[in-house]
Amino acid sequence: MTFNKRLFGGLILFSLLLAGCISYSFTGASIPSDVRSIHIPFFPDQSQSGLGDLSDRLNRALTNRFVNQSRLSLANDQESSDAFVEGAIQSYTNRPFSVRGDEQADVNEIQITIRATFQYQDDDEALWNKNFSGSATYNTLENPVDGEIEAAEEALQQIANNMFNDAVSNW
C-alpha cells in the first residue's frame, strides 16, 4: 500500500512538472502586455559582402521572428512603436572550411556578424546592444553561387533567432 501511495504521489508530481514545462513558450506569452508593436528597420550592409539583398534578407528573417511568431505588430516608424531593434551588418566572410587533397577548397564557410540594439520606446537605455554572429557552410563544387546564398540565408536565420531569443528572455 505504501508503494502505491509513493507511486501515485510521484505521478502527480511528475504531471505537475510536465504541465509547467508544456505551457512555457516564447510565442508571445512572456512579452509585457503594454508592448504591442515593434519597429524593425533595414540594417545597412557595412560589410561589403557583394550580396545586394543581404539587408532585405535580414529584415525578412527578423520580421518573421518578431511579428509572425509573437503577438507583436510591425510599426511603420520607431516613434509609433513600443519597442525597436536596429543595427548594421558589420562583417561578411566567405572562406575555405574544408580542403581536398589537391589543396582546392571543396567546402566554404559563410560567417556574418551583426551589431544590434533592442530597446523599449519609453526607456532611456537599450535592453541590449551587442554583436550577433551566424555561420553556415556550402559545397563549392556543386552550385557555388546558390550555395553561398543559401549559406548566407542560414546564417541570417541563426542571427534572427538569437536576437529574438535574447529579446524575449529579457522580457
Protein backbone atom coordinates (compact mmCIF):
# COMPACT_ATOMS: atom_id res chain seq x y z
CA MET A 1 0.00 0.00 0.00
CA THR A 2 2.87 2.40 0.79
CA PHE A 3 4.39 1.69 -2.62
CA ASN A 4 1.13 2.69 -4.36
CA LYS A 5 0.97 5.98 -2.42
CA ARG A 6 4.56 6.78 -3.38
CA LEU A 7 3.90 5.88 -6.98
CA PHE A 8 0.71 7.94 -7.03
CA GLY A 9 2.46 10.91 -5.38
CA GLY A 10 5.34 10.62 -7.82
CA LEU A 11 2.96 10.54 -10.78
CA ILE A 12 1.15 13.65 -9.55
CA LEU A 13 4.44 15.50 -9.02
CA PHE A 14 5.68 14.42 -12.46
CA SER A 15 2.39 15.54 -14.08
CA LEU A 16 2.60 18.97 -12.46
CA LEU A 17 6.20 19.43 -13.55
CA LEU A 18 5.40 18.29 -17.07
CA ALA A 19 2.40 20.60 -17.30
CA GLY A 20 4.59 23.53 -16.24
CA CYS A 21 7.10 22.73 -18.97
CA ILE A 22 4.50 22.36 -21.68
CA SER A 23 2.90 25.74 -21.05
CA TYR A 24 6.21 27.60 -21.28
CA SER A 25 6.51 29.33 -24.63
CA PHE A 26 8.33 32.14 -26.43
CA THR A 27 5.42 32.77 -28.78
CA GLY A 28 4.31 35.93 -27.06
CA ALA A 29 3.34 34.76 -23.58
CA SER A 30 6.34 36.42 -21.95
CA ILE A 31 6.01 39.76 -23.76
CA PRO A 32 4.81 42.54 -21.43
CA SER A 33 1.17 43.42 -22.05
CA ASP A 34 1.98 47.07 -22.83
CA VAL A 35 4.37 46.06 -25.65
CA ARG A 36 2.21 45.61 -28.72
CA SER A 37 4.34 46.79 -31.63
CA ILE A 38 7.92 46.69 -32.82
CA HIS A 39 9.84 48.64 -35.44
CA ILE A 40 12.40 46.70 -37.49
CA PRO A 41 14.18 48.99 -39.96
CA PHE A 42 16.56 47.76 -42.65
CA PHE A 43 20.04 47.20 -41.28
CA PRO A 44 22.62 48.90 -43.51
CA ASP A 45 25.14 46.49 -45.01
CA GLN A 46 28.56 47.83 -44.00
CA SER A 47 30.24 44.51 -44.72
CA GLN A 48 30.91 44.96 -48.44
CA SER A 49 29.55 41.45 -48.89
CA GLY A 50 28.76 41.74 -52.56
CA LEU A 51 25.30 40.29 -51.92
CA GLY A 52 22.94 43.13 -52.76
CA ASP A 53 19.95 41.78 -50.84
CA LEU A 54 21.64 40.87 -47.53
CA SER A 55 19.84 43.69 -45.70
CA ASP A 56 16.48 42.63 -47.19
CA ARG A 57 17.04 39.01 -46.16
CA LEU A 58 17.92 40.03 -42.59
CA ASN A 59 14.84 42.26 -42.38
CA ARG A 60 12.57 39.41 -43.53
CA ALA A 61 14.14 37.00 -41.03
CA LEU A 62 13.73 39.45 -38.14
CA THR A 63 10.17 40.34 -39.13
CA ASN A 64 9.28 36.66 -39.29
CA ARG A 65 10.60 36.01 -35.80
CA PHE A 66 9.31 39.12 -34.01
CA VAL A 67 5.98 39.60 -35.80
CA ASN A 68 4.89 36.28 -37.27
CA GLN A 69 5.91 34.23 -34.23
CA SER A 70 4.63 36.52 -31.48
CA ARG A 71 1.64 38.76 -30.93
CA LEU A 72 3.58 41.90 -31.88
CA SER A 73 2.56 44.02 -34.84
CA LEU A 74 5.02 45.77 -37.12
CA ALA A 75 5.18 49.57 -36.65
CA ASN A 76 5.97 51.79 -39.63
CA ASP A 77 8.36 54.00 -37.69
CA GLN A 78 10.30 53.98 -34.45
CA GLU A 79 8.28 56.79 -32.84
CA SER A 80 5.00 54.86 -33.06
CA SER A 81 6.43 51.56 -31.79
CA ASP A 82 6.56 50.14 -28.27
CA ALA A 83 9.94 48.53 -28.93
CA PHE A 84 12.53 48.59 -31.68
CA VAL A 85 15.54 46.70 -32.90
CA GLU A 86 18.18 48.38 -35.03
CA GLY A 87 21.74 47.87 -36.13
CA ALA A 88 24.06 47.20 -39.03
CA ILE A 89 25.60 44.27 -40.85
CA GLN A 90 29.22 44.56 -39.72
CA SER A 91 31.04 41.75 -41.48
CA TYR A 92 30.60 39.03 -44.06
CA THR A 93 33.29 36.45 -44.67
CA ASN A 94 33.39 33.62 -47.18
CA ARG A 95 36.42 31.44 -46.52
CA PRO A 96 37.57 27.88 -47.13
CA PHE A 97 36.33 25.48 -44.48
CA SER A 98 37.50 22.18 -45.92
CA VAL A 99 40.28 21.45 -48.42
CA ARG A 100 40.59 18.43 -50.72
CA GLY A 101 43.78 16.50 -51.30
CA ASP A 102 44.70 18.71 -54.28
CA GLU A 103 44.58 21.76 -51.97
CA GLN A 104 41.33 23.03 -53.51
CA ALA A 105 38.56 24.21 -51.19
CA ASP A 106 35.51 22.00 -51.53
CA VAL A 107 33.53 23.49 -48.63
CA ASN A 108 33.40 27.18 -47.75
CA GLU A 109 32.00 28.81 -44.65
CA ILE A 110 29.93 31.99 -44.60
CA GLN A 111 30.10 33.97 -41.38
CA ILE A 112 28.00 37.10 -40.80
CA THR A 113 28.23 39.46 -37.84
CA ILE A 114 25.53 41.98 -36.95
CA ARG A 115 25.75 44.77 -34.38
CA ALA A 116 22.26 45.29 -32.95
CA THR A 117 20.36 47.15 -30.25
CA PHE A 118 17.00 46.26 -28.72
CA GLN A 119 15.14 48.92 -26.77
CA TYR A 120 11.72 49.83 -25.42
CA GLN A 121 10.45 53.14 -26.76
CA ASP A 122 9.90 54.59 -23.27
CA ASP A 123 13.29 53.52 -21.86
CA ASP A 124 16.40 55.69 -21.95
CA GLU A 125 18.75 52.74 -22.24
CA ALA A 126 18.81 49.73 -24.52
CA LEU A 127 17.94 46.32 -23.12
CA TRP A 128 20.94 45.03 -25.06
CA ASN A 129 23.49 46.33 -27.54
CA LYS A 130 25.78 43.62 -28.83
CA ASN A 131 27.11 41.55 -31.71
CA PHE A 132 25.33 38.51 -33.13
CA SER A 133 27.04 36.04 -35.46
CA GLY A 134 25.81 33.22 -37.62
CA SER A 135 27.61 30.80 -39.90
CA ALA A 136 26.91 28.05 -42.39
CA THR A 137 28.85 26.00 -44.90
CA TYR A 138 28.26 25.13 -48.55
CA ASN A 139 29.82 22.88 -51.15
CA THR A 140 31.84 24.92 -53.66
CA LEU A 141 31.95 22.06 -56.18
CA GLU A 142 28.18 21.76 -56.70
CA ASN A 143 26.48 25.12 -57.26
CA PRO A 144 28.73 27.73 -55.64
CA VAL A 145 26.52 30.77 -56.31
CA ASP A 146 23.29 29.26 -54.95
CA GLY A 147 25.28 27.52 -52.20
CA GLU A 148 26.68 30.83 -50.97
CA ILE A 149 23.23 32.45 -50.99
CA GLU A 150 21.68 29.52 -49.09
CA ALA A 151 24.51 29.53 -46.53
CA ALA A 152 24.10 33.30 -46.04
CA GLU A 153 20.35 32.79 -45.53
CA GLU A 154 21.01 30.09 -42.92
CA ALA A 155 23.49 32.35 -41.08
CA LEU A 156 20.94 35.20 -41.08
CA GLN A 157 18.23 32.87 -39.71
CA GLN A 158 20.57 31.92 -36.85
CA ILE A 159 21.14 35.61 -36.10
CA ALA A 160 17.43 36.44 -36.20
CA ASN A 161 16.64 33.51 -33.87
CA ASN A 162 19.34 34.57 -31.41
CA MET A 163 18.21 38.20 -31.43
CA PHE A 164 14.58 37.19 -30.83
CA ASN A 165 15.54 34.75 -28.05
CA ASP A 166 17.70 37.38 -26.34
CA ALA A 167 14.86 39.92 -26.53
CA VAL A 168 12.19 37.59 -25.13
CA SER A 169 14.47 36.14 -22.46
CA ASN A 170 14.80 39.66 -21.04
CA TRP A 171 11.03 40.17 -21.00
